[in-house]
Structure formats: structure tokens, C-alpha cells
Protein backbone atom coordinates (compact mmCIF):
# COMPACT_ATOMS: atom_id res chain seq x y z
CA UNK A 1 21.87 25.97 -22.56
CA UNK A 2 19.66 23.24 -21.85
CA UNK A 3 15.86 23.62 -20.93
CA UNK A 4 13.77 21.96 -19.07
CA UNK A 5 10.02 21.31 -17.89
CA UNK A 6 8.53 19.53 -14.80
CA UNK A 7 5.77 17.36 -15.20
CA UNK A 8 3.64 16.50 -12.27
CA UNK A 9 3.81 19.65 -9.84
CA UNK A 10 2.84 17.52 -6.38
CA UNK A 11 5.11 16.92 -3.32
CA UNK A 12 8.26 15.47 -4.56
CA UNK A 13 8.49 18.33 -7.39
CA UNK A 14 9.74 20.59 -5.01
CA UNK A 15 13.11 19.26 -4.79
CA UNK A 16 13.26 19.18 -8.86
CA UNK A 17 12.47 22.90 -8.64
CA UNK A 18 14.97 23.86 -6.19
CA UNK A 19 17.64 21.46 -8.13
CA UNK A 20 16.96 23.35 -11.23
CA UNK A 21 16.92 27.06 -9.47
CA UNK A 22 20.13 25.82 -8.02
CA UNK A 23 21.78 24.84 -11.55
CA UNK A 24 21.92 28.13 -13.43
CA UNK A 25 22.87 26.56 -16.67
CA UNK A 26 19.78 24.94 -16.86
CA UNK A 27 16.31 27.08 -17.89
CA UNK A 28 13.18 25.86 -16.69
CA UNK A 29 10.56 26.40 -19.56
CA UNK A 30 7.39 24.80 -18.77
CA UNK A 31 5.11 22.87 -16.24
CA UNK A 32 2.76 20.20 -16.45
CA UNK A 33 0.11 19.06 -14.18
CA UNK A 34 -3.62 17.49 -15.13
CA UNK A 35 -4.74 19.28 -11.59
CA UNK A 36 -5.71 22.69 -12.56
CA UNK A 37 -4.86 24.29 -9.09
CA UNK A 38 -1.44 22.29 -9.01
CA UNK A 39 -0.60 23.91 -12.65
CA UNK A 40 -1.67 27.51 -11.60
CA UNK A 41 0.18 27.25 -8.46
CA UNK A 42 3.48 26.19 -10.34
CA UNK A 43 3.07 28.79 -13.10
CA UNK A 44 2.44 31.49 -10.61
CA UNK A 45 5.49 30.30 -8.49
CA UNK A 46 8.01 29.82 -11.64
CA UNK A 47 6.45 32.03 -14.46
CA UNK A 48 6.66 29.42 -17.23
CA UNK A 49 3.70 28.11 -19.19
CA UNK A 50 1.37 25.56 -18.10
CA UNK A 51 -0.09 22.55 -19.71
CA UNK A 52 -2.57 20.13 -18.32
CA UNK A 53 -1.23 17.35 -21.07
CA UNK A 54 2.28 16.35 -21.78
CA UNK A 55 1.71 15.72 -25.40
CA UNK A 56 0.60 19.40 -25.65
CA UNK A 57 4.24 20.43 -23.93
CA UNK A 58 6.19 18.40 -25.96
CA UNK A 59 4.37 19.80 -29.34
CA UNK A 60 4.94 23.70 -27.88
CA UNK A 61 7.44 23.55 -25.51
CA UNK A 62 9.98 20.97 -26.77
CA UNK A 63 12.38 20.86 -23.91
CA UNK A 64 15.69 19.09 -23.84
CA UNK A 65 14.84 17.29 -20.60
CA UNK A 66 11.70 16.49 -18.86
CA UNK A 67 11.36 15.58 -15.21
CA UNK A 68 8.78 13.25 -14.52
CA UNK A 69 7.23 13.44 -10.77
CA UNK A 70 3.72 12.11 -11.29
CA UNK A 71 2.18 9.12 -9.45
CA UNK A 72 3.93 5.86 -10.28
CA UNK A 73 1.48 4.57 -12.67
CA UNK A 74 2.44 7.23 -14.79
CA UNK A 75 6.08 7.07 -15.03
CA UNK A 76 6.70 4.46 -17.52
CA UNK A 77 4.35 5.40 -20.22
CA UNK A 78 5.22 9.08 -19.49
CA UNK A 79 9.07 8.49 -20.38
CA UNK A 80 8.07 6.14 -22.91
CA UNK A 81 6.35 8.97 -25.01
CA UNK A 82 9.68 11.49 -24.54
CA UNK A 83 12.01 9.15 -24.83
CA UNK A 84 10.54 8.17 -28.54
CA UNK A 85 10.44 11.69 -28.98
CA UNK A 86 14.01 12.13 -28.55
CA UNK A 87 13.61 14.00 -25.70
CA UNK A 88 15.77 13.33 -22.46
CA UNK A 89 14.29 12.11 -18.92
CA UNK A 90 14.87 12.17 -15.47
CA UNK A 91 12.08 10.30 -13.76
CA UNK A 92 11.14 9.49 -10.34
CA UNK A 93 11.73 6.27 -8.32
CA UNK A 94 9.98 3.45 -8.96
CA UNK A 95 10.92 2.93 -12.53
CA UNK A 96 7.47 1.51 -13.34
CA UNK A 97 4.65 0.57 -11.44
CA UNK A 98 4.74 -3.22 -13.17
CA UNK A 99 7.15 -5.51 -14.17
CA UNK A 100 5.90 -4.94 -18.00
CA UNK A 101 5.69 -1.29 -18.00
CA UNK A 102 9.28 -1.44 -16.66
CA UNK A 103 10.33 -4.16 -19.36
CA UNK A 104 9.08 -1.89 -22.05
CA UNK A 105 10.71 1.35 -20.81
CA UNK A 106 14.04 -0.70 -20.48
CA UNK A 107 13.21 -1.58 -24.38
CA UNK A 108 12.34 2.13 -25.49
CA UNK A 109 15.17 3.80 -23.82
CA UNK A 110 17.99 1.23 -25.31
CA UNK A 111 16.74 2.36 -29.00
CA UNK A 112 16.34 5.83 -28.13
CA UNK A 113 19.09 8.16 -28.94
CA UNK A 114 17.83 10.29 -25.74
CA UNK A 115 19.38 9.68 -22.34
CA UNK A 116 16.96 8.99 -19.46
CA UNK A 117 17.87 8.70 -15.43
CA UNK A 118 16.05 7.34 -12.53
CA UNK A 119 16.04 8.89 -9.18
CA UNK A 120 17.90 6.83 -6.81
CA UNK A 121 19.53 10.08 -5.52
CA UNK A 122 20.94 8.08 -2.20
CA UNK A 123 23.48 6.25 -4.31
CA UNK A 124 24.98 10.25 -4.32
CA UNK A 125 25.17 10.47 -0.50
CA UNK A 126 28.96 10.55 0.72
CA UNK A 127 28.25 7.76 2.79
CA UNK A 128 27.16 5.46 -0.09
CA UNK A 129 30.01 6.75 -2.22
CA UNK A 130 32.23 5.81 0.67
CA UNK A 131 30.71 2.49 0.76
CA UNK A 132 31.43 1.75 -2.70
CA UNK A 133 34.69 3.06 -2.74
CA UNK A 134 35.49 0.81 0.30
CA UNK A 135 34.06 -2.43 -1.21
CA UNK A 136 35.54 -1.45 -4.64
CA UNK A 137 39.05 -1.24 -3.13
CA UNK A 138 39.63 -4.90 -2.54
CA UNK A 139 41.56 -4.22 1.08
CA UNK A 140 38.09 -5.55 3.25
CA UNK A 141 38.35 -8.76 1.87
CA UNK A 142 35.53 -11.14 0.66
CA UNK A 143 31.83 -9.59 1.15
CA UNK A 144 29.98 -11.80 3.45
CA UNK A 145 26.99 -10.25 4.09
CA UNK A 146 24.37 -7.28 4.80
CA UNK A 147 21.54 -5.98 6.96
CA UNK A 148 19.15 -3.05 6.37
CA UNK A 149 16.21 -1.59 8.03
CA UNK A 150 13.64 0.87 7.22
CA UNK A 151 11.75 1.95 10.35
CA UNK A 152 9.12 4.82 9.42
CA UNK A 153 5.86 6.21 10.27
CA UNK A 154 2.96 7.11 7.81
CA UNK A 155 -0.24 7.72 9.10
CA UNK A 156 -3.98 7.35 7.34
CA UNK A 157 -3.98 10.95 6.88
CA UNK A 158 -0.66 10.61 4.28
CA UNK A 159 -2.59 8.20 2.21
CA UNK A 160 -5.87 9.98 2.30
CA UNK A 161 -4.20 12.94 0.92
CA UNK A 162 -3.17 11.58 -2.01
CA UNK A 163 -5.28 8.09 -2.20
CA UNK A 164 -3.07 6.81 -5.37
CA UNK A 165 -0.13 5.99 -2.63
CA UNK A 166 -2.27 3.23 -1.02
CA UNK A 167 -3.27 1.56 -3.97
CA UNK A 168 -2.21 -1.44 -6.55
CA UNK A 169 -3.31 0.39 -9.60
CA UNK A 170 -1.93 3.48 -9.28
CA UNK A 171 0.87 3.17 -6.49
CA UNK A 172 1.91 -0.40 -7.72
CA UNK A 173 2.44 -1.32 -4.43
CA UNK A 174 3.25 0.54 -0.77
CA UNK A 175 5.87 0.45 1.44
CA UNK A 176 8.38 -1.31 -0.83
CA UNK A 177 7.49 0.80 -3.88
CA UNK A 178 7.22 4.11 -2.35
CA UNK A 179 9.72 4.26 0.62
CA UNK A 180 11.90 1.26 1.17
CA UNK A 181 12.81 0.96 -2.30
CA UNK A 182 15.66 3.25 -2.24
CA UNK A 183 17.43 0.92 0.48
CA UNK A 184 16.35 -2.13 -1.56
CA UNK A 185 18.51 -0.22 -4.52
CA UNK A 186 21.07 0.40 -2.14
CA UNK A 187 21.33 -2.99 -0.92
CA UNK A 188 21.86 -4.47 -4.27
CA UNK A 189 23.91 -2.01 -5.91
CA UNK A 190 26.48 -2.27 -2.79
CA UNK A 191 26.33 -5.89 -1.84
CA UNK A 192 25.65 -7.08 -5.69
CA UNK A 193 23.18 -8.48 -8.19
CA UNK A 194 20.46 -10.43 -6.20
CA UNK A 195 19.97 -14.18 -7.63
CA UNK A 196 17.04 -15.05 -5.34
CA UNK A 197 14.92 -13.29 -2.77
CA UNK A 198 12.31 -14.84 -0.06
CA UNK A 199 9.95 -12.57 1.87
CA UNK A 200 6.90 -11.56 3.05
CA UNK A 201 4.58 -8.25 2.60
CA UNK A 202 1.54 -7.43 5.18
CA UNK A 203 -0.59 -4.65 6.27
CA UNK A 204 0.18 -4.56 9.85
CA UNK A 205 -0.97 -1.01 10.78
CA UNK A 206 -2.99 0.78 7.99
CA UNK A 207 -5.62 -2.01 7.26
CA UNK A 208 -9.15 -0.25 6.29
CA UNK A 209 -7.02 2.85 4.90
CA UNK A 210 -4.57 1.46 2.42
CA UNK A 211 -5.11 -2.05 0.07
CA UNK A 212 -1.22 -2.41 -0.19
CA UNK A 213 1.46 -3.46 2.42
CA UNK A 214 2.97 -1.25 5.16
CA UNK A 215 5.73 -3.88 6.45
CA UNK A 216 7.88 -6.14 4.47
CA UNK A 217 10.86 -8.31 5.25
CA UNK A 218 13.04 -10.63 3.09
CA UNK A 219 16.33 -12.76 2.68
CA UNK A 220 18.35 -12.42 -0.41
CA UNK A 221 21.01 -14.36 -1.95
CA UNK A 222 23.36 -12.50 -3.89
CA UNK A 223 25.16 -14.05 -6.93
CA UNK A 224 28.43 -13.16 -5.29
CA UNK A 225 27.41 -15.83 -2.53
CA UNK A 226 26.64 -12.95 0.14
CA UNK A 227 23.44 -13.07 1.96
CA UNK A 228 21.60 -9.89 3.26
CA UNK A 229 18.41 -9.30 5.47
CA UNK A 230 15.69 -6.89 5.15
CA UNK A 231 13.40 -5.44 7.00
CA UNK A 232 10.92 -2.27 6.79
CA UNK A 233 8.19 -0.96 8.25
CA UNK A 234 5.76 1.90 8.48
CA UNK A 235 4.18 1.24 11.89
CA UNK A 236 7.13 2.79 13.55
CA UNK A 237 5.97 5.59 16.32
CA UNK A 238 8.95 8.21 14.36
CA UNK A 239 10.94 8.15 10.91
CA UNK A 240 14.01 6.19 12.29
CA UNK A 241 17.28 6.68 10.66
CA UNK A 242 17.69 3.87 7.56
CA UNK A 243 20.60 1.31 8.79
CA UNK A 244 22.50 -0.45 6.53
CA UNK A 245 25.33 -2.94 7.70
CA UNK A 246 27.80 -4.70 5.40
CA UNK A 247 30.07 -7.43 6.98
CA UNK A 248 33.43 -8.22 5.01
CA UNK A 249 36.35 -10.35 6.12
CA UNK A 250 38.33 -7.33 7.52
CA UNK A 251 35.34 -4.76 8.37
CA UNK A 252 32.17 -4.00 9.19
CA UNK A 253 30.68 -1.05 7.14
CA UNK A 254 27.62 0.56 9.31
CA UNK A 255 25.39 3.22 7.92
CA UNK A 256 23.29 5.23 10.95
CA UNK A 257 22.99 8.58 9.38
CA UNK A 258 26.82 8.66 9.10
CA UNK A 259 29.26 6.00 8.24
CA UNK A 260 31.21 4.13 10.77
CA UNK A 261 33.98 1.55 9.68
CA UNK A 262 35.27 -0.76 12.18
CA UNK A 263 38.32 -2.89 11.03
CA UNK A 264 39.49 -6.20 12.03
CA UNK A 265 42.47 -4.54 13.83
CA UNK A 266 40.22 -2.38 16.33
CA UNK A 267 40.33 0.81 14.35
CA UNK A 268 37.56 2.66 13.85
CA UNK A 269 36.76 5.37 10.88
CA UNK A 270 33.77 7.48 10.92
CA UNK A 271 32.68 9.40 7.34
CA UNK A 272 30.18 11.93 8.10
CA UNK A 273 26.99 12.45 5.64
CA UNK A 274 26.73 15.75 3.92
CA UNK A 275 23.69 17.85 5.07
CA UNK A 276 22.25 20.12 2.60
CA UNK A 277 18.77 21.72 2.18
CA UNK A 278 16.84 19.96 -0.96
CA UNK A 279 13.60 21.88 -0.82
CA UNK A 280 11.97 18.74 -0.08
CA UNK A 281 11.39 16.20 3.02
CA UNK A 282 14.53 15.26 4.95
CA UNK A 283 13.78 11.62 4.75
CA UNK A 284 13.97 11.98 0.75
CA UNK A 285 17.56 12.56 1.38
CA UNK A 286 20.17 15.08 0.48
CA UNK A 287 21.61 14.25 -2.79
CA UNK A 288 18.49 14.87 -5.64
CA UNK A 289 20.06 17.90 -6.43
CA UNK A 290 23.66 15.88 -6.98
CA UNK A 291 21.85 13.37 -9.40
CA UNK A 292 20.26 15.99 -11.48
CA UNK A 293 23.34 18.37 -11.83
CA UNK A 294 25.22 15.15 -12.82
CA UNK A 295 22.53 14.01 -15.22
CA UNK A 296 22.81 17.39 -16.88
CA UNK A 297 26.80 17.14 -16.87
CA UNK A 298 26.45 14.12 -18.84
CA UNK A 299 23.73 14.86 -21.33
CA UNK A 300 26.49 15.18 -24.13
CA UNK A 301 28.35 12.05 -22.98
CA UNK A 302 28.65 8.77 -24.97
CA UNK A 303 26.31 5.99 -23.50
CA UNK A 304 23.64 5.85 -21.27
CA UNK A 305 23.04 7.45 -17.68
CA UNK A 306 24.26 5.40 -15.19
CA UNK A 307 21.14 4.78 -13.22
CA UNK A 308 19.25 3.89 -16.21
CA UNK A 309 16.02 1.76 -16.74
CA UNK A 310 18.23 -2.07 -16.79
CA UNK A 311 19.96 -0.87 -13.96
CA UNK A 312 16.75 0.56 -11.74
CA UNK A 313 14.64 -2.65 -12.87
CA UNK A 314 16.84 -4.23 -10.44
CA UNK A 315 15.08 -3.04 -7.38
CA UNK A 316 11.46 -3.54 -9.18
CA UNK A 317 11.93 -7.16 -9.88
CA UNK A 318 13.24 -7.58 -6.02
CA UNK A 319 9.97 -5.78 -4.75
CA UNK A 320 7.67 -7.34 -7.04
CA UNK A 321 9.13 -10.89 -6.67
CA UNK A 322 7.92 -10.22 -2.77
CA UNK A 323 4.51 -9.19 -3.84
CA UNK A 324 4.13 -12.37 -6.05
CA UNK A 325 5.44 -14.65 -2.79
CA UNK A 326 2.98 -12.71 -0.56
CA UNK A 327 -0.20 -12.44 -2.64
CA UNK A 328 -0.35 -15.33 -4.96
CA UNK A 329 -4.27 -14.65 -5.30
CA UNK A 330 -3.75 -11.12 -6.77
CA UNK A 331 -1.10 -12.27 -9.05
CA UNK A 332 -2.52 -9.78 -11.65
CA UNK A 333 -2.78 -7.18 -9.35
CA UNK A 334 0.69 -7.01 -7.88
CA UNK A 335 2.90 -8.32 -10.93
């Protein structure tokens, strides 16, 4: 039976604890957090040893898999330490808070015998899988383009509660790194690798609270000739459903919670999204548990996990390219 540990016992760890609780053939053996109160709460809740240092956890608990749920600036360095020790890793998005750290983790992952998966769990949504299957089937004809929106709301208190979220040094960015990167990932995964992107990021609603962006837009040219347009903001009044529309020669595929496929002959197909309790917030999606279970199911399979650092670096590069265009005077800070 594989053993697991969770590093970082803050907000998003709840979905990892819930996923492990729903996976009876995996044993949670340790937790780790630098914050003594969060660590004590996790130890009490789960009845396993707690460690303030990930190196102590590695030396004493030596789990088969670690789940990294820390602030962004720790993702790559922690993942690299465990991969170099031969321990498998599940790491929350983003891959890293800088391109340099991301590239280093890609290199470490390629050398390590251990596996690493990055939590772009929305690829496991029923609607995302259906879109992928439709596009791969060939019956829809040439893929012409796509559009996507993330119209969400975050208050100043959201950032004051976890100050790292609003900083370049620890968050690596704002809206695009912490919320919209999931949709950026879906866009490039479904439509195709991005050859060129032009866009702008700015702070429209939370100036004075955060130093990073809360709004962004871009146009992407894909290697297959398709074009995508993207808009995201945290200045909306509510957390509206993410939208993603893909246009092909023979159909339009529209994601609005559920998936609607409108064919050129006028026929319409609706594919429902699965609804399940994740132990976290509704806007995190419903598929963390599916990704985590799939990772454990493939631990002994040959080759890397399919959402690995090389794959996850694609969305990171898009986001960082937007930052480079938007903040030329902060080049060292936003890279």
C-alpha cells in the first residue's frame, strides 16, 4: 500500500485530504507545515505525525508520495528535493513561481526515477474529456479558434488573509497564476500549443491591496493556425461560470458549466458535468480526486505521468509572457 504525506496544511490541502480519505488503498502517514497552529490542527484531525520541516519528514517518514500544497514560491524547490530523493510528487499549480524554477524542475523530473503530477485537475472534468474526445475524433473538421473567460470576484480580505497571494516574490503573479491558469491550461491543451501570445495584465480593482494583477487579456496564435482570445478578471461582482467556446468547421463547442455542442446541421448535444463533493470550494472544480486517484493508479506504470512538469510549463510560459509584455520595468521580478 503506498504511503502519502501532505506538505502545506492550508486551504487547498482540504481537497487532498478528502481525496486520500476516499482512496482506501493509500495510507496517510505524515503532515508538514511551517505554521505551528496549522500543523497542530492537521495532526489532531488526521492522527499522524507532524513535521515543521520537509527534510525531517523525508528523513523520518519517507513516504512514497508527497502532496505539495504550499504557497507558489515553494512548489518547485520542494518538489525537486523529493524527486532527487526518489519520492513521487503531486504538486498544486502553478508548476513554479518563476520560469527559471520551472525549467529546473522540468530537468529534475526528467532525471528522476520518481513520478510527478501537477494539479491541473480540470482536464479530468467530464466536459473537458468530452471536448478532447470530440476534437480528436476528426469529425468536427478544422479547428478554427476559441475564446475563454474567467469572470470571478476576490475581495481585499482574500489577500489580507494570505498576504503571499498578492505578491510577485511568493505568488509569482496574481489572477493569471492563482485562478485563471487553469483555463489557460485547458485552452492550450484543447486548442493546441501556443506559438505566440500578445496581451496585457493590470490591476483594475485591488490597487493598494495587491502588487500583482487582478485583470488580464490576451490573443494567442496556436501552432496549428487557430487563434484564441482570452479575458479574465477578479473585479466581477460574483464568481461566474468559466466559459470556453471552440469553433470548428462543423460545430461550435460551448462550455458553460455543462457542455453544449451545436453542429452545422442544427442538431445539439448537451453533456453534463459531474457533480461531486471535493472537500474544498466549488470554484476549484470537481476533479481533484479523479486526478489524484489516477496518479496513484499509474505509480507503477512506465513513463512519466501525463500532466508532468514539461506539460505544466506550457501554461506557465504563456502567463509569464503576458507579464513580460505588461511589466517591462519589473523584468527581474515577474520572470
